């Protein structure tokens, strides 16, 4: 496992989407969650690449499994955030909170 001490913005988004989705996290659901939460269009290739990077660094684990919907023939790549991934997400949150500390005028929407 490679050492990764800081997440890129998109990897961070993918990790948070997978955490939010829990057991229902697979590549397409992560993509949909990202689009809904960020209001931005996301490419499937970008999600696959980010998941591969996160898996290579030990922050997520993926597995191929048939979906639960009746008659579904394609396998889905399900994502599980590891303990290291949770730790990384918490640390990233702490960094953002420290950066926002003292910027209360910017924290509220006009």
N, C-alpha and C. Protein backbone atom coordinates (compact mmCIF):
# COMPACT_ATOMS: atom_id res chain seq x y z
N UNK A 1 0.85 -1.19 0.00
CA UNK A 1 0.00 0.00 0.00
C UNK A 1 0.89 1.24 0.00
N UNK A 2 0.64 2.14 -0.90
CA UNK A 2 1.39 3.39 -0.99
C UNK A 2 0.93 4.35 0.10
N UNK A 3 1.87 5.19 0.56
CA UNK A 3 1.51 6.18 1.57
C UNK A 3 0.81 7.35 0.89
N UNK A 4 -0.33 7.71 1.41
CA UNK A 4 -1.10 8.83 0.86
C UNK A 4 -1.57 9.65 2.05
N UNK A 5 -1.00 10.83 2.22
CA UNK A 5 -1.34 11.62 3.40
C UNK A 5 -2.36 12.70 3.12
N UNK A 6 -2.61 13.01 1.83
CA UNK A 6 -3.57 14.05 1.48
C UNK A 6 -4.37 13.57 0.28
N UNK A 7 -5.67 13.79 0.33
CA UNK A 7 -6.54 13.43 -0.78
C UNK A 7 -6.67 14.58 -1.76
N UNK A 8 -6.74 14.27 -3.05
CA UNK A 8 -7.12 15.26 -4.03
C UNK A 8 -8.60 15.56 -3.86
N UNK A 9 -9.05 16.68 -4.40
CA UNK A 9 -10.45 17.08 -4.20
C UNK A 9 -11.43 16.03 -4.71
N UNK A 10 -11.22 15.52 -5.92
CA UNK A 10 -12.18 14.56 -6.46
C UNK A 10 -12.13 13.24 -5.70
N UNK A 11 -10.94 12.77 -5.35
CA UNK A 11 -10.83 11.55 -4.55
C UNK A 11 -11.55 11.73 -3.22
N UNK A 12 -11.42 12.91 -2.63
CA UNK A 12 -12.11 13.22 -1.38
C UNK A 12 -13.62 13.11 -1.58
N UNK A 13 -14.12 13.67 -2.67
CA UNK A 13 -15.56 13.60 -2.97
C UNK A 13 -16.01 12.16 -3.14
N UNK A 14 -15.23 11.37 -3.86
CA UNK A 14 -15.59 9.96 -4.09
C UNK A 14 -15.60 9.20 -2.77
N UNK A 15 -14.62 9.44 -1.93
CA UNK A 15 -14.55 8.77 -0.63
C UNK A 15 -15.76 9.14 0.23
N UNK A 16 -16.12 10.41 0.26
CA UNK A 16 -17.28 10.83 1.05
C UNK A 16 -18.58 10.26 0.49
N UNK A 17 -18.70 10.21 -0.83
CA UNK A 17 -19.91 9.63 -1.43
C UNK A 17 -20.02 8.15 -1.07
N UNK A 18 -18.92 7.43 -1.10
CA UNK A 18 -18.93 6.01 -0.73
C UNK A 18 -19.30 5.83 0.74
N UNK A 19 -18.77 6.70 1.60
CA UNK A 19 -19.13 6.64 3.03
C UNK A 19 -20.62 6.90 3.21
N UNK A 20 -21.14 7.89 2.53
CA UNK A 20 -22.55 8.26 2.64
C UNK A 20 -23.45 7.11 2.19
N UNK A 21 -23.06 6.42 1.12
CA UNK A 21 -23.88 5.34 0.56
C UNK A 21 -23.78 4.03 1.33
N UNK A 22 -22.69 3.85 2.07
CA UNK A 22 -22.53 2.64 2.87
C UNK A 22 -22.57 1.37 2.04
N UNK A 23 -23.40 0.41 2.43
CA UNK A 23 -23.50 -0.88 1.74
C UNK A 23 -24.01 -0.74 0.31
N UNK A 24 -24.66 0.36 -0.02
CA UNK A 24 -25.21 0.58 -1.35
C UNK A 24 -24.23 1.27 -2.30
N UNK A 25 -22.97 1.39 -1.89
CA UNK A 25 -21.98 2.08 -2.71
C UNK A 25 -21.44 1.16 -3.80
N UNK A 26 -21.72 1.51 -5.03
CA UNK A 26 -21.09 0.88 -6.18
C UNK A 26 -20.84 2.00 -7.18
N UNK A 27 -20.08 1.76 -8.21
CA UNK A 27 -19.58 2.85 -9.03
C UNK A 27 -20.69 3.78 -9.55
N UNK A 28 -21.77 3.23 -10.04
CA UNK A 28 -22.83 4.08 -10.58
C UNK A 28 -23.54 4.87 -9.49
N UNK A 29 -23.76 4.25 -8.33
CA UNK A 29 -24.42 4.99 -7.24
C UNK A 29 -23.51 6.09 -6.71
N UNK A 30 -22.20 5.86 -6.70
CA UNK A 30 -21.25 6.90 -6.29
C UNK A 30 -21.32 8.07 -7.27
N UNK A 31 -21.34 7.76 -8.56
CA UNK A 31 -21.44 8.80 -9.58
C UNK A 31 -22.71 9.62 -9.40
N UNK A 32 -23.83 8.95 -9.22
CA UNK A 32 -25.11 9.64 -9.03
C UNK A 32 -25.09 10.50 -7.78
N UNK A 33 -24.56 9.97 -6.70
CA UNK A 33 -24.47 10.72 -5.43
C UNK A 33 -23.62 11.98 -5.62
N UNK A 34 -22.51 11.84 -6.31
CA UNK A 34 -21.64 13.00 -6.55
C UNK A 34 -22.37 14.07 -7.37
N UNK A 35 -23.06 13.67 -8.41
CA UNK A 35 -23.77 14.64 -9.23
C UNK A 35 -24.87 15.34 -8.44
N UNK A 36 -25.60 14.59 -7.63
CA UNK A 36 -26.68 15.18 -6.84
C UNK A 36 -26.14 16.12 -5.76
N UNK A 37 -25.08 15.73 -5.10
CA UNK A 37 -24.53 16.51 -3.98
C UNK A 37 -23.73 17.73 -4.43
N UNK A 38 -23.03 17.61 -5.56
CA UNK A 38 -22.17 18.71 -5.99
C UNK A 38 -22.83 19.59 -7.04
N UNK A 39 -23.88 19.08 -7.68
CA UNK A 39 -24.53 19.84 -8.74
C UNK A 39 -23.69 19.92 -10.00
N UNK A 40 -22.72 19.03 -10.13
CA UNK A 40 -21.83 19.01 -11.28
C UNK A 40 -21.94 17.67 -12.00
N UNK A 41 -21.75 17.70 -13.31
CA UNK A 41 -21.73 16.46 -14.07
C UNK A 41 -20.42 15.74 -13.80
N UNK A 42 -20.50 14.43 -13.63
CA UNK A 42 -19.32 13.63 -13.31
C UNK A 42 -19.21 12.51 -14.34
N UNK A 43 -18.01 12.27 -14.83
CA UNK A 43 -17.85 11.18 -15.80
C UNK A 43 -17.60 9.87 -15.07
N UNK A 44 -18.14 8.80 -15.65
CA UNK A 44 -17.94 7.48 -15.07
C UNK A 44 -16.45 7.13 -15.03
N UNK A 45 -15.72 7.51 -16.07
CA UNK A 45 -14.28 7.21 -16.10
C UNK A 45 -13.55 7.86 -14.94
N UNK A 46 -13.92 9.09 -14.60
CA UNK A 46 -13.28 9.78 -13.48
C UNK A 46 -13.52 9.03 -12.16
N UNK A 47 -14.74 8.53 -11.99
CA UNK A 47 -15.06 7.77 -10.77
C UNK A 47 -14.24 6.48 -10.73
N UNK A 48 -14.18 5.75 -11.85
CA UNK A 48 -13.39 4.51 -11.91
C UNK A 48 -11.93 4.78 -11.57
N UNK A 49 -11.37 5.82 -12.15
CA UNK A 49 -9.96 6.15 -11.91
C UNK A 49 -9.73 6.50 -10.45
N UNK A 50 -10.60 7.33 -9.89
CA UNK A 50 -10.45 7.71 -8.47
C UNK A 50 -10.58 6.49 -7.57
N UNK A 51 -11.53 5.62 -7.86
CA UNK A 51 -11.69 4.41 -7.04
C UNK A 51 -10.46 3.52 -7.14
N UNK A 52 -9.88 3.42 -8.32
CA UNK A 52 -8.66 2.62 -8.49
C UNK A 52 -7.53 3.20 -7.65
N UNK A 53 -7.39 4.53 -7.67
CA UNK A 53 -6.34 5.17 -6.85
C UNK A 53 -6.59 4.94 -5.36
N UNK A 54 -7.85 5.13 -4.95
CA UNK A 54 -8.18 4.94 -3.53
C UNK A 54 -7.95 3.49 -3.11
N UNK A 55 -8.25 2.56 -3.99
CA UNK A 55 -8.03 1.15 -3.67
C UNK A 55 -6.54 0.83 -3.59
N UNK A 56 -5.78 1.38 -4.53
CA UNK A 56 -4.33 1.15 -4.55
C UNK A 56 -3.68 1.66 -3.27
N UNK A 57 -4.22 2.73 -2.69
CA UNK A 57 -3.64 3.29 -1.46
C UNK A 57 -4.27 2.71 -0.20
N UNK A 58 -5.21 1.75 -0.37
CA UNK A 58 -5.78 1.07 0.78
C UNK A 58 -6.91 1.82 1.48
N UNK A 59 -7.44 2.85 0.83
CA UNK A 59 -8.50 3.64 1.46
C UNK A 59 -9.89 3.07 1.19
N UNK A 60 -10.02 2.29 0.13
CA UNK A 60 -11.26 1.56 -0.16
C UNK A 60 -10.89 0.17 -0.63
N UNK A 61 -11.87 -0.72 -0.55
CA UNK A 61 -11.77 -2.05 -1.14
C UNK A 61 -12.97 -2.19 -2.07
N UNK A 62 -12.77 -2.84 -3.20
CA UNK A 62 -13.88 -3.06 -4.12
C UNK A 62 -14.04 -4.55 -4.36
N UNK A 63 -15.25 -4.93 -4.77
CA UNK A 63 -15.52 -6.32 -5.12
C UNK A 63 -16.59 -6.34 -6.20
N UNK A 64 -16.47 -7.29 -7.10
CA UNK A 64 -17.50 -7.47 -8.12
C UNK A 64 -18.59 -8.37 -7.57
N UNK A 65 -19.82 -7.99 -7.81
CA UNK A 65 -20.96 -8.76 -7.30
C UNK A 65 -22.16 -8.47 -8.18
N UNK A 66 -22.99 -9.47 -8.36
CA UNK A 66 -24.23 -9.24 -9.10
C UNK A 66 -25.13 -8.33 -8.28
N UNK A 67 -25.83 -7.45 -8.96
CA UNK A 67 -26.76 -6.55 -8.30
C UNK A 67 -27.92 -7.33 -7.70
N UNK A 68 -28.70 -6.66 -6.87
CA UNK A 68 -29.80 -7.31 -6.17
C UNK A 68 -31.12 -7.20 -6.92
N UNK A 69 -31.16 -6.40 -7.98
CA UNK A 69 -32.40 -6.23 -8.72
C UNK A 69 -32.69 -7.48 -9.54
N UNK A 70 -33.95 -7.85 -9.64
CA UNK A 70 -34.34 -9.06 -10.36
C UNK A 70 -33.89 -9.01 -11.82
N UNK A 71 -33.34 -10.11 -12.28
CA UNK A 71 -32.94 -10.21 -13.66
C UNK A 71 -31.67 -9.47 -14.03
N UNK A 72 -31.02 -8.89 -13.08
CA UNK A 72 -29.80 -8.14 -13.38
C UNK A 72 -28.67 -9.11 -13.72
N UNK A 73 -28.04 -8.90 -14.86
CA UNK A 73 -27.00 -9.81 -15.33
C UNK A 73 -25.60 -9.25 -15.16
N UNK A 74 -25.48 -7.95 -15.17
CA UNK A 74 -24.16 -7.33 -15.06
C UNK A 74 -23.70 -7.32 -13.61
N UNK A 75 -22.41 -7.44 -13.46
CA UNK A 75 -21.85 -7.32 -12.13
C UNK A 75 -21.58 -5.86 -11.82
N UNK A 76 -21.74 -5.52 -10.56
CA UNK A 76 -21.43 -4.17 -10.10
C UNK A 76 -20.14 -4.22 -9.28
N UNK A 77 -19.38 -3.13 -9.34
CA UNK A 77 -18.19 -3.03 -8.50
C UNK A 77 -18.58 -2.27 -7.24
N UNK A 78 -18.76 -3.02 -6.15
CA UNK A 78 -19.15 -2.43 -4.87
C UNK A 78 -17.92 -1.90 -4.15
N UNK A 79 -18.12 -0.85 -3.39
CA UNK A 79 -17.04 -0.14 -2.73
C UNK A 79 -17.27 -0.16 -1.21
N UNK A 80 -16.21 -0.46 -0.48
CA UNK A 80 -16.26 -0.36 0.98
C UNK A 80 -15.08 0.48 1.43
N UNK A 81 -15.35 1.50 2.22
CA UNK A 81 -14.29 2.36 2.74
C UNK A 81 -13.62 1.62 3.90
N UNK A 82 -12.31 1.54 3.88
CA UNK A 82 -11.56 0.85 4.91
C UNK A 82 -11.40 1.76 6.15
N UNK A 83 -10.87 1.19 7.21
CA UNK A 83 -10.59 1.97 8.42
C UNK A 83 -9.61 3.10 8.10
N UNK A 84 -8.64 2.82 7.23
CA UNK A 84 -7.68 3.87 6.82
C UNK A 84 -8.39 4.97 6.06
N UNK A 85 -9.39 4.61 5.25
CA UNK A 85 -10.16 5.60 4.51
C UNK A 85 -10.98 6.48 5.42
N UNK A 86 -11.58 5.89 6.44
CA UNK A 86 -12.35 6.67 7.42
C UNK A 86 -11.42 7.62 8.16
N UNK A 87 -10.26 7.12 8.55
CA UNK A 87 -9.27 7.96 9.24
C UNK A 87 -8.84 9.13 8.36
N UNK A 88 -8.61 8.85 7.06
CA UNK A 88 -8.21 9.90 6.12
C UNK A 88 -9.32 10.94 5.97
N UNK A 89 -10.57 10.49 5.87
CA UNK A 89 -11.70 11.42 5.73
C UNK A 89 -11.82 12.31 6.97
N UNK A 90 -11.64 11.73 8.13
CA UNK A 90 -11.71 12.53 9.38
C UNK A 90 -10.60 13.57 9.43
N UNK A 91 -9.41 13.16 9.04
CA UNK A 91 -8.28 14.10 9.06
C UNK A 91 -8.50 15.22 8.05
N UNK A 92 -9.02 14.89 6.88
CA UNK A 92 -9.30 15.91 5.87
C UNK A 92 -10.34 16.89 6.41
N UNK A 93 -11.34 16.38 7.10
CA UNK A 93 -12.37 17.26 7.69
C UNK A 93 -11.75 18.19 8.72
N UNK A 94 -10.88 17.66 9.57
CA UNK A 94 -10.20 18.50 10.57
C UNK A 94 -9.41 19.63 9.90
N UNK A 95 -8.73 19.30 8.80
CA UNK A 95 -7.96 20.33 8.09
C UNK A 95 -8.86 21.42 7.55
N UNK A 96 -9.99 21.01 6.94
CA UNK A 96 -10.92 22.01 6.40
C UNK A 96 -11.52 22.87 7.51
N UNK A 97 -11.88 22.28 8.62
CA UNK A 97 -12.45 23.04 9.73
C UNK A 97 -11.44 24.05 10.24
N UNK A 98 -10.18 23.64 10.36
CA UNK A 98 -9.14 24.58 10.81
C UNK A 98 -8.95 25.71 9.82
N UNK A 99 -9.04 25.41 8.53
CA UNK A 99 -8.90 26.46 7.52
C UNK A 99 -10.07 27.43 7.57
N UNK A 100 -11.28 26.92 7.84
CA UNK A 100 -12.46 27.78 7.89
C UNK A 100 -12.54 28.57 9.20
N UNK A 101 -11.84 28.13 10.22
CA UNK A 101 -11.90 28.79 11.52
C UNK A 101 -11.53 30.27 11.37
N UNK A 102 -12.41 31.14 11.85
CA UNK A 102 -12.18 32.58 11.78
C UNK A 102 -12.75 33.24 10.53
N UNK A 103 -13.31 32.46 9.62
CA UNK A 103 -13.90 33.01 8.40
C UNK A 103 -15.41 32.98 8.47
N UNK A 104 -15.95 33.32 9.62
CA UNK A 104 -17.41 33.21 9.83
C UNK A 104 -18.20 34.08 8.87
N UNK A 105 -17.65 35.21 8.45
CA UNK A 105 -18.38 36.09 7.52
C UNK A 105 -18.58 35.38 6.17
N UNK A 106 -17.67 34.50 5.79
CA UNK A 106 -17.78 33.77 4.53
C UNK A 106 -18.60 32.49 4.67
N UNK A 107 -18.76 32.02 5.90
CA UNK A 107 -19.43 30.74 6.14
C UNK A 107 -20.93 30.82 5.95
N UNK A 108 -21.50 32.00 6.01
CA UNK A 108 -22.96 32.14 5.83
C UNK A 108 -23.26 32.65 4.45
N UNK A 109 -24.32 32.13 3.88
CA UNK A 109 -24.74 32.57 2.54
C UNK A 109 -25.52 33.86 2.63
N UNK A 110 -25.36 34.70 1.64
CA UNK A 110 -26.06 35.98 1.60
C UNK A 110 -27.46 35.82 1.05
